Amino acid sequence: MKSRSERIKSRNFTLLELLIVIAIIAVLAAMLLPALNSAREKGRAISCVGNLSNMMKAQMFYADDNNGLMPANIANFMGKGETYYWSRVLFTLDYIKKMRAITVCPSVKTVKAAEIRKTNGTFYHWNTYGVNNHDDDYSKKQETLGNYILNDSGKYYRQSGMKQASQILVLAETSYSSAYTPDQFCAFSITSASAYEGGKTGLHLSHAERMTAGYADGHISLDSQAKLMSSPMKVRSIILNSARIRIN
């Protein structure tokens, strides 16, 4: 006959005890999941900053080799008879390598984003990183920020004309449209939601209502809506989420 201690050791869990253990595990998982998701998103935001940092470095290297000019677009680039936007210029001239690896913010999970990341996939140049290529208020900002735009067979950011390079928004995250151009990222407007592709694209605050932005001095930051709108650039066209809620 088993002793009392042996009977206690050999006793199985009851169904109630098992349910209690499962419930405790479920509660712990529910408590930890938001923290894990937040950590993942912070990791994606850091990766996004790294992507844009590489692109701003490419712009700065190009400027070092080309009289202090950073390209937005170049007409008849290399005599090819067509306009090349900034990313295609930098990629063609080898300032950006393995472009698809840094094309799309890691937080963007759309079908088109996945297609862009493929080695031979279609390159949708929207929903990637873009250049500030349209500003209705530019003339009003020149006293504060300088005469930093050069239009001469294309559009360039001119370092010699800048008064506050750290405040001049050059590159940023952009939102979705279906347009296609080989190996070119998009252009965006900071003052008009309808400047490009019938209003389907613009600055995209994809990181908890913050946006990765690259400035003319080379620094990268995660900017909030309030910061963008109150900065010397006075941004007036913003997309808050994939549903394209606009401030314009």
C-alpha atoms as a PDB file:
ATOM      1  CA  MET A   1       0.000   0.000   0.000  1.00  0.00           C
ATOM      2  CA  LYS A   2       1.309   3.477  -1.000  1.00  0.00           C
ATOM      3  CA  SER A   3       2.108   5.954   1.687  1.00  0.00           C
ATOM      4  CA  ARG A   4       0.394   9.365   1.820  1.00  0.00           C
ATOM      5  CA  SER A   5       3.477  11.121   0.377  1.00  0.00           C
ATOM      6  CA  GLU A   6       3.644   8.646  -2.522  1.00  0.00           C
ATOM      7  CA  ARG A   7      -0.049   9.199  -3.307  1.00  0.00           C
ATOM      8  CA  ILE A   8       0.509  13.010  -3.423  1.00  0.00           C
ATOM      9  CA  LYS A   9       3.495  12.623  -5.768  1.00  0.00           C
ATOM     10  CA  SER A  10       1.607  10.395  -8.198  1.00  0.00           C
ATOM     11  CA  ARG A  11      -1.613  12.482  -8.292  1.00  0.00           C
ATOM     12  CA  ASN A  12      -2.515  13.888 -11.751  1.00  0.00           C
ATOM     13  CA  PHE A  13      -3.629  17.471 -12.435  1.00  0.00           C
ATOM     14  CA  THR A  14      -7.354  17.925 -12.391  1.00  0.00           C
ATOM     15  CA  LEU A  15      -9.093  19.575 -15.369  1.00  0.00           C
ATOM     16  CA  LEU A  16      -9.706  22.715 -13.306  1.00  0.00           C
ATOM     17  CA  GLU A  17      -6.038  23.024 -12.369  1.00  0.00           C
ATOM     18  CA  LEU A  18      -5.055  22.570 -16.003  1.00  0.00           C
ATOM     19  CA  LEU A  19      -7.465  25.294 -17.084  1.00  0.00           C
ATOM     20  CA  ILE A  20      -6.090  27.658 -14.442  1.00  0.00           C
ATOM     21  CA  VAL A  21      -2.522  27.100 -15.692  1.00  0.00           C
ATOM     22  CA  ILE A  22      -3.620  27.722 -19.298  1.00  0.00           C
ATOM     23  CA  ALA A  23      -5.454  30.886 -18.249  1.00  0.00           C
ATOM     24  CA  ILE A  24      -2.375  32.197 -16.441  1.00  0.00           C
ATOM     25  CA  ILE A  25      -0.220  31.528 -19.517  1.00  0.00           C
ATOM     26  CA  ALA A  26      -2.771  33.307 -21.727  1.00  0.00           C
ATOM     27  CA  VAL A  27      -2.817  36.360 -19.425  1.00  0.00           C
ATOM     28  CA  LEU A  28       0.988  36.519 -19.392  1.00  0.00           C
ATOM     29  CA  ALA A  29       1.098  36.226 -23.198  1.00  0.00           C
ATOM     30  CA  ALA A  30      -1.480  39.003 -23.566  1.00  0.00           C
ATOM     31  CA  MET A  31       0.601  41.220 -21.291  1.00  0.00           C
ATOM     32  CA  LEU A  32       3.841  40.517 -23.149  1.00  0.00           C
ATOM     33  CA  LEU A  33       2.539  40.686 -26.739  1.00  0.00           C
ATOM     34  CA  PRO A  34       2.151  44.503 -26.932  1.00  0.00           C
ATOM     35  CA  ALA A  35       5.659  44.920 -25.567  1.00  0.00           C
ATOM     36  CA  LEU A  36       7.019  42.462 -28.143  1.00  0.00           C
ATOM     37  CA  ASN A  37       5.161  44.204 -30.972  1.00  0.00           C
ATOM     38  CA  SER A  38       6.454  47.557 -29.778  1.00  0.00           C
ATOM     39  CA  ALA A  39      10.008  46.204 -29.702  1.00  0.00           C
ATOM     40  CA  ARG A  40       9.608  44.835 -33.234  1.00  0.00           C
ATOM     41  CA  GLU A  41       8.303  48.178 -34.511  1.00  0.00           C
ATOM     42  CA  LYS A  42      11.195  50.018 -32.856  1.00  0.00           C
ATOM     43  CA  GLY A  43      13.544  47.620 -34.643  1.00  0.00           C
ATOM     44  CA  ARG A  44      11.830  48.319 -37.966  1.00  0.00           C
ATOM     45  CA  ALA A  45      12.030  52.072 -37.348  1.00  0.00           C
ATOM     46  CA  ILE A  46      15.765  51.779 -36.647  1.00  0.00           C
ATOM     47  CA  SER A  47      16.203  49.818 -39.871  1.00  0.00           C
ATOM     48  CA  CYS A  48      14.224  52.478 -41.748  1.00  0.00           C
ATOM     49  CA  VAL A  49      16.498  55.192 -40.369  1.00  0.00           C
ATOM     50  CA  GLY A  50      19.470  53.143 -41.599  1.00  0.00           C
ATOM     51  CA  ASN A  51      17.965  52.869 -45.092  1.00  0.00           C
ATOM     52  CA  LEU A  52      17.380  56.597 -45.395  1.00  0.00           C
ATOM     53  CA  SER A  53      20.784  57.339 -43.895  1.00  0.00           C
ATOM     54  CA  ASN A  54      22.428  55.350 -46.701  1.00  0.00           C
ATOM     55  CA  MET A  55      20.456  57.294 -49.280  1.00  0.00           C
ATOM     56  CA  MET A  56      21.322  60.675 -47.775  1.00  0.00           C
ATOM     57  CA  LYS A  57      24.994  59.663 -47.730  1.00  0.00           C
ATOM     58  CA  ALA A  58      24.699  58.842 -51.429  1.00  0.00           C
ATOM     59  CA  GLN A  59      23.220  62.313 -52.029  1.00  0.00           C
ATOM     60  CA  MET A  60      26.065  63.918 -50.094  1.00  0.00           C
ATOM     61  CA  PHE A  61      28.724  61.909 -51.965  1.00  0.00           C
ATOM     62  CA  TYR A  62      27.141  62.927 -55.275  1.00  0.00           C
ATOM     63  CA  ALA A  63      27.173  66.566 -54.139  1.00  0.00           C
ATOM     64  CA  ASP A  64      30.862  66.311 -53.227  1.00  0.00           C
ATOM     65  CA  ASP A  65      31.597  65.215 -56.795  1.00  0.00           C
ATOM     66  CA  ASN A  66      29.187  67.624 -58.530  1.00  0.00           C
ATOM     67  CA  ASN A  67      29.670  71.185 -57.310  1.00  0.00           C
ATOM     68  CA  GLY A  68      27.557  70.791 -54.177  1.00  0.00           C
ATOM     69  CA  LEU A  69      24.386  69.729 -56.011  1.00  0.00           C
ATOM     70  CA  MET A  70      22.043  66.969 -54.820  1.00  0.00           C
ATOM     71  CA  PRO A  71      19.739  65.700 -57.588  1.00  0.00           C
ATOM     72  CA  ALA A  72      15.965  65.659 -57.419  1.00  0.00           C
ATOM     73  CA  ASN A  73      15.648  64.957 -61.125  1.00  0.00           C
ATOM     74  CA  ILE A  74      17.854  65.429 -64.175  1.00  0.00           C
ATOM     75  CA  ALA A  75      16.468  65.965 -67.657  1.00  0.00           C
ATOM     76  CA  ASN A  76      18.143  64.118 -70.541  1.00  0.00           C
ATOM     77  CA  PHE A  77      20.393  62.307 -68.058  1.00  0.00           C
ATOM     78  CA  MET A  78      23.651  61.177 -69.694  1.00  0.00           C
ATOM     79  CA  GLY A  79      22.143  62.012 -73.072  1.00  0.00           C
ATOM     80  CA  LYS A  80      19.503  59.295 -72.721  1.00  0.00           C
ATOM     81  CA  GLY A  81      16.661  61.621 -73.691  1.00  0.00           C
ATOM     82  CA  GLU A  82      14.608  61.045 -70.525  1.00  0.00           C
ATOM     83  CA  THR A  83      14.330  62.429 -67.013  1.00  0.00           C
ATOM     84  CA  TYR A  84      16.015  60.388 -64.268  1.00  0.00           C
ATOM     85  CA  TYR A  85      14.839  60.946 -60.699  1.00  0.00           C
ATOM     86  CA  TRP A  86      17.324  61.065 -57.844  1.00  0.00           C
ATOM     87  CA  SER A  87      17.452  57.361 -57.004  1.00  0.00           C
ATOM     88  CA  ARG A  88      17.954  56.233 -60.574  1.00  0.00           C
ATOM     89  CA  VAL A  89      20.719  58.818 -60.975  1.00  0.00           C
ATOM     90  CA  LEU A  90      22.481  57.630 -57.828  1.00  0.00           C
ATOM     91  CA  PHE A  91      22.024  53.953 -58.692  1.00  0.00           C
ATOM     92  CA  THR A  92      23.189  54.356 -62.299  1.00  0.00           C
ATOM     93  CA  LEU A  93      26.315  56.200 -61.145  1.00  0.00           C
ATOM     94  CA  ASP A  94      26.967  53.610 -58.406  1.00  0.00           C
ATOM     95  CA  TYR A  95      26.380  55.903 -55.416  1.00  0.00           C
ATOM     96  CA  ILE A  96      23.663  53.484 -54.260  1.00  0.00           C
ATOM     97  CA  LYS A  97      24.425  49.759 -54.403  1.00  0.00           C
ATOM     98  CA  LYS A  98      21.892  46.911 -54.029  1.00  0.00           C
ATOM     99  CA  MET A  99      19.076  49.425 -54.164  1.00  0.00           C
ATOM    100  CA  ARG A 100      16.230  46.964 -53.625  1.00  0.00           C
ATOM    101  CA  ALA A 101      17.664  45.980 -50.245  1.00  0.00           C
ATOM    102  CA  ILE A 102      17.000  49.495 -48.906  1.00  0.00           C
ATOM    103  CA  THR A 103      14.055  50.475 -51.083  1.00  0.00           C
ATOM    104  CA  VAL A 104      11.078  50.085 -48.759  1.00  0.00           C
ATOM    105  CA  CYS A 105      10.591  50.791 -45.067  1.00  0.00           C
ATOM    106  CA  PRO A 106      10.446  47.444 -43.186  1.00  0.00           C
ATOM    107  CA  SER A 107       7.106  48.506 -41.677  1.00  0.00           C
ATOM    108  CA  VAL A 108       5.471  48.530 -45.124  1.00  0.00           C
ATOM    109  CA  LYS A 109       3.878  45.114 -45.685  1.00  0.00           C
ATOM    110  CA  THR A 110       1.917  45.677 -48.894  1.00  0.00           C
ATOM    111  CA  VAL A 111       1.944  43.256 -51.836  1.00  0.00           C
ATOM    112  CA  LYS A 112       3.718  45.862 -53.952  1.00  0.00           C
ATOM    113  CA  ALA A 113       6.382  46.371 -51.288  1.00  0.00           C
ATOM    114  CA  ALA A 114       7.085  42.621 -51.313  1.00  0.00           C
ATOM    115  CA  GLU A 115       7.278  42.708 -55.110  1.00  0.00           C
ATOM    116  CA  ILE A 116       9.793  45.573 -55.038  1.00  0.00           C
ATOM    117  CA  ARG A 117      12.058  43.662 -52.664  1.00  0.00           C
ATOM    118  CA  LYS A 118      12.377  40.724 -55.092  1.00  0.00           C
ATOM    119  CA  THR A 119      15.545  40.695 -57.194  1.00  0.00           C
ATOM    120  CA  ASN A 120      13.591  40.679 -60.455  1.00  0.00           C
ATOM    121  CA  GLY A 121      10.282  42.028 -59.180  1.00  0.00           C
ATOM    122  CA  THR A 122       8.367  44.978 -60.567  1.00  0.00           C
ATOM    123  CA  PHE A 123       9.748  48.215 -59.174  1.00  0.00           C
ATOM    124  CA  TYR A 124       6.844  50.385 -58.052  1.00  0.00           C
ATOM    125  CA  HIS A 125       8.533  53.675 -57.369  1.00  0.00           C
ATOM    126  CA  TRP A 126       5.833  54.896 -55.007  1.00  0.00           C
ATOM    127  CA  ASN A 127       5.451  53.436 -51.528  1.00  0.00           C
ATOM    128  CA  THR A 128       9.224  53.774 -51.177  1.00  0.00           C
ATOM    129  CA  TYR A 129      11.421  56.690 -50.143  1.00  0.00           C
ATOM    130  CA  GLY A 130      10.976  59.945 -52.047  1.00  0.00           C
ATOM    131  CA  VAL A 131      12.520  63.338 -52.685  1.00  0.00           C
ATOM    132  CA  ASN A 132      10.918  66.683 -51.849  1.00  0.00           C
ATOM    133  CA  ASN A 133      10.214  67.877 -55.373  1.00  0.00           C
ATOM    134  CA  HIS A 134       7.306  70.321 -55.009  1.00  0.00           C
ATOM    135  CA  ASP A 135       6.833  73.258 -52.639  1.00  0.00           C
ATOM    136  CA  ASP A 136       4.308  75.992 -53.415  1.00  0.00           C
ATOM    137  CA  ASP A 137       5.737  78.076 -50.559  1.00  0.00           C
ATOM    138  CA  TYR A 138       9.399  77.970 -51.623  1.00  0.00           C
ATOM    139  CA  SER A 139       9.635  81.694 -52.412  1.00  0.00           C
ATOM    140  CA  LYS A 140       8.349  82.530 -48.919  1.00  0.00           C
ATOM    141  CA  LYS A 141      11.046  80.391 -47.267  1.00  0.00           C
ATOM    142  CA  GLN A 142      14.078  81.725 -49.092  1.00  0.00           C
ATOM    143  CA  GLU A 143      14.747  84.519 -46.591  1.00  0.00           C
ATOM    144  CA  THR A 144      14.943  81.950 -43.771  1.00  0.00           C
ATOM    145  CA  LEU A 145      16.346  78.876 -45.523  1.00  0.00           C
ATOM    146  CA  GLY A 146      18.158  80.370 -48.500  1.00  0.00           C
ATOM    147  CA  ASN A 147      18.025  79.985 -52.265  1.00  0.00           C
ATOM    148  CA  TYR A 148      18.611  76.246 -52.080  1.00  0.00           C
ATOM    149  CA  ILE A 149      16.852  75.014 -55.229  1.00  0.00           C
ATOM    150  CA  LEU A 150      18.513  75.116 -58.655  1.00  0.00           C
ATOM    151  CA  ASN A 151      16.430  74.482 -61.767  1.00  0.00           C
ATOM    152  CA  ASP A 152      18.828  73.924 -64.647  1.00  0.00           C
ATOM    153  CA  SER A 153      18.161  70.970 -66.973  1.00  0.00           C
ATOM    154  CA  GLY A 154      16.524  69.355 -63.965  1.00  0.00           C
ATOM    155  CA  LYS A 155      16.115  70.144 -60.290  1.00  0.00           C
ATOM    156  CA  TYR A 156      18.864  70.085 -57.639  1.00  0.00           C
ATOM    157  CA  TYR A 157      19.340  70.985 -53.989  1.00  0.00           C
ATOM    158  CA  ARG A 158      22.200  73.501 -53.969  1.00  0.00           C
ATOM    159  CA  GLN A 159      24.352  73.353 -50.831  1.00  0.00           C
ATOM    160  CA  SER A 160      25.926  76.764 -51.449  1.00  0.00           C
ATOM    161  CA  GLY A 161      22.506  78.441 -51.288  1.00  0.00           C
ATOM    162  CA  MET A 162      21.438  76.905 -47.975  1.00  0.00           C
ATOM    163  CA  LYS A 163      21.171  78.971 -44.800  1.00  0.00           C
ATOM    164  CA  GLN A 164      19.918  76.174 -42.503  1.00  0.00           C
ATOM    165  CA  ALA A 165      20.780  72.834 -44.096  1.00  0.00           C
ATOM    166  CA  SER A 166      19.636  70.959 -40.974  1.00  0.00           C
ATOM    167  CA  GLN A 167      16.084  72.267 -41.529  1.00  0.00           C
ATOM    168  CA  ILE A 168      15.752  71.562 -45.265  1.00  0.00           C
ATOM    169  CA  LEU A 169      13.783  68.359 -45.863  1.00  0.00           C
ATOM    170  CA  VAL A 170      15.196  66.425 -48.826  1.00  0.00           C
ATOM    171  CA  LEU A 171      14.166  62.741 -48.515  1.00  0.00           C
ATOM    172  CA  ALA A 172      11.349  61.009 -46.639  1.00  0.00           C
ATOM    173  CA  GLU A 173       8.974  58.054 -46.490  1.00  0.00           C
ATOM    174  CA  THR A 174       6.130  58.193 -48.984  1.00  0.00           C
ATOM    175  CA  SER A 175       2.799  56.470 -49.372  1.00  0.00           C
ATOM    176  CA  TYR A 176       1.136  54.265 -51.935  1.00  0.00           C
ATOM    177  CA  SER A 177       0.287  54.674 -55.583  1.00  0.00           C
ATOM    178  CA  SER A 178       0.399  52.187 -58.439  1.00  0.00           C
ATOM    179  CA  ALA A 179       2.694  54.052 -60.829  1.00  0.00           C
ATOM    180  CA  TYR A 180       5.703  52.205 -62.227  1.00  0.00           C
ATOM    181  CA  THR A 181       9.088  53.375 -63.451  1.00  0.00           C
ATOM    182  CA  PRO A 182      12.214  51.175 -63.565  1.00  0.00           C
ATOM    183  CA  ASP A 183      14.437  51.611 -60.518  1.00  0.00           C
ATOM    184  CA  GLN A 184      13.127  55.032 -59.523  1.00  0.00           C
ATOM    185  CA  PHE A 185      11.821  56.145 -56.163  1.00  0.00           C
ATOM    186  CA  CYS A 186       9.144  58.783 -56.037  1.00  0.00           C
ATOM    187  CA  ALA A 187       8.908  62.517 -55.612  1.00  0.00           C
ATOM    188  CA  PHE A 188       6.511  64.145 -53.165  1.00  0.00           C
ATOM    189  CA  SER A 189       5.022  67.536 -52.425  1.00  0.00           C
ATOM    190  CA  ILE A 190       5.075  69.109 -48.965  1.00  0.00           C
ATOM    191  CA  THR A 191       2.281  71.553 -49.823  1.00  0.00           C
ATOM    192  CA  SER A 192      -0.126  69.743 -52.167  1.00  0.00           C
ATOM    193  CA  ALA A 193      -1.703  66.329 -51.753  1.00  0.00           C
ATOM    194  CA  SER A 194      -2.694  66.348 -55.427  1.00  0.00           C
ATOM    195  CA  ALA A 195       0.659  67.350 -56.928  1.00  0.00           C
ATOM    196  CA  TYR A 196       1.506  63.806 -57.996  1.00  0.00           C
ATOM    197  CA  GLU A 197      -0.528  60.837 -59.241  1.00  0.00           C
ATOM    198  CA  GLY A 198      -3.906  62.430 -58.656  1.00  0.00           C
ATOM    199  CA  GLY A 199      -3.350  62.874 -54.937  1.00  0.00           C
ATOM    200  CA  LYS A 200      -2.489  59.259 -54.242  1.00  0.00           C
ATOM    201  CA  THR A 201       0.910  59.850 -52.723  1.00  0.00           C
ATOM    202  CA  GLY A 202       2.663  62.007 -50.156  1.00  0.00           C
ATOM    203  CA  LEU A 203       4.619  62.007 -46.907  1.00  0.00           C
ATOM    204  CA  HIS A 204       3.744  58.920 -44.871  1.00  0.00           C
ATOM    205  CA  LEU A 205       3.843  58.812 -41.065  1.00  0.00           C
ATOM    206  CA  SER A 206       4.269  55.043 -40.834  1.00  0.00           C
ATOM    207  CA  HIS A 207       5.996  54.686 -37.434  1.00  0.00           C
ATOM    208  CA  ALA A 208       3.405  55.358 -34.726  1.00  0.00           C
ATOM    209  CA  GLU A 209       2.508  58.637 -36.468  1.00  0.00           C
ATOM    210  CA  ARG A 210       6.135  59.540 -37.041  1.00  0.00           C
ATOM    211  CA  MET A 211       8.033  59.667 -40.318  1.00  0.00           C
ATOM    212  CA  THR A 212      11.664  58.988 -41.148  1.00  0.00           C
ATOM    213  CA  ALA A 213      13.079  62.132 -42.754  1.00  0.00           C
ATOM    214  CA  GLY A 214      16.456  63.049 -44.254  1.00  0.00           C
ATOM    215  CA  TYR A 215      17.740  66.626 -44.167  1.00  0.00           C
ATOM    216  CA  ALA A 216      20.235  68.506 -46.332  1.00  0.00           C
ATOM    217  CA  ASP A 217      23.020  68.368 -43.744  1.00  0.00           C
ATOM    218  CA  GLY A 218      22.808  64.554 -43.868  1.00  0.00           C
ATOM    219  CA  HIS A 219      21.076  63.879 -40.548  1.00  0.00           C
ATOM    220  CA  ILE A 220      18.037  61.572 -40.227  1.00  0.00           C
ATOM    221  CA  SER A 221      15.212  61.924 -37.733  1.00  0.00           C
ATOM    222  CA  LEU A 222      11.833  60.440 -36.846  1.00  0.00           C
ATOM    223  CA  ASP A 223       9.489  63.420 -37.132  1.00  0.00           C
ATOM    224  CA  SER A 224       5.979  63.853 -35.784  1.00  0.00           C
ATOM    225  CA  GLN A 225       3.160  65.667 -37.548  1.00  0.00           C
ATOM    226  CA  ALA A 226       3.511  68.615 -35.160  1.00  0.00           C
ATOM    227  CA  LYS A 227       7.256  68.923 -35.782  1.00  0.00           C
ATOM    228  CA  LEU A 228       6.839  68.799 -39.569  1.00  0.00           C
ATOM    229  CA  MET A 229       4.113  71.412 -39.611  1.00  0.00           C
ATOM    230  CA  SER A 230       5.877  73.817 -37.249  1.00  0.00           C
ATOM    231  CA  SER A 231       9.342  73.479 -38.809  1.00  0.00           C
ATOM    232  CA  PRO A 232      10.763  76.149 -41.165  1.00  0.00           C
ATOM    233  CA  MET A 233       9.694  73.873 -44.045  1.00  0.00           C
ATOM    234  CA  LYS A 234       6.050  74.327 -42.932  1.00  0.00           C
ATOM    235  CA  VAL A 235       4.833  70.983 -44.258  1.00  0.00           C
ATOM    236  CA  ARG A 236       1.137  71.103 -45.223  1.00  0.00           C
ATOM    237  CA  SER A 237       0.556  67.749 -46.962  1.00  0.00           C
ATOM    238  CA  ILE A 238       0.795  64.628 -44.801  1.00  0.00           C
ATOM    239  CA  ILE A 239      -0.581  61.083 -44.941  1.00  0.00           C
ATOM    240  CA  LEU A 240      -1.253  59.704 -41.473  1.00  0.00           C
ATOM    241  CA  ASN A 241      -1.875  56.069 -42.393  1.00  0.00           C
ATOM    242  CA  SER A 242      -2.513  53.659 -45.233  1.00  0.00           C
ATOM    243  CA  ALA A 243      -6.092  54.930 -45.498  1.00  0.00           C
ATOM    244  CA  ARG A 244      -4.544  58.232 -46.622  1.00  0.00           C
ATOM    245  CA  ILE A 245      -6.066  60.525 -44.010  1.00  0.00           C
ATOM    246  CA  ARG A 246      -4.745  63.885 -45.128  1.00  0.00           C
ATOM    247  CA  ILE A 247      -3.747  67.185 -43.644  1.00  0.00           C
ATOM    248  CA  ASN A 248      -3.468  69.661 -46.485  1.00  0.00           C
END
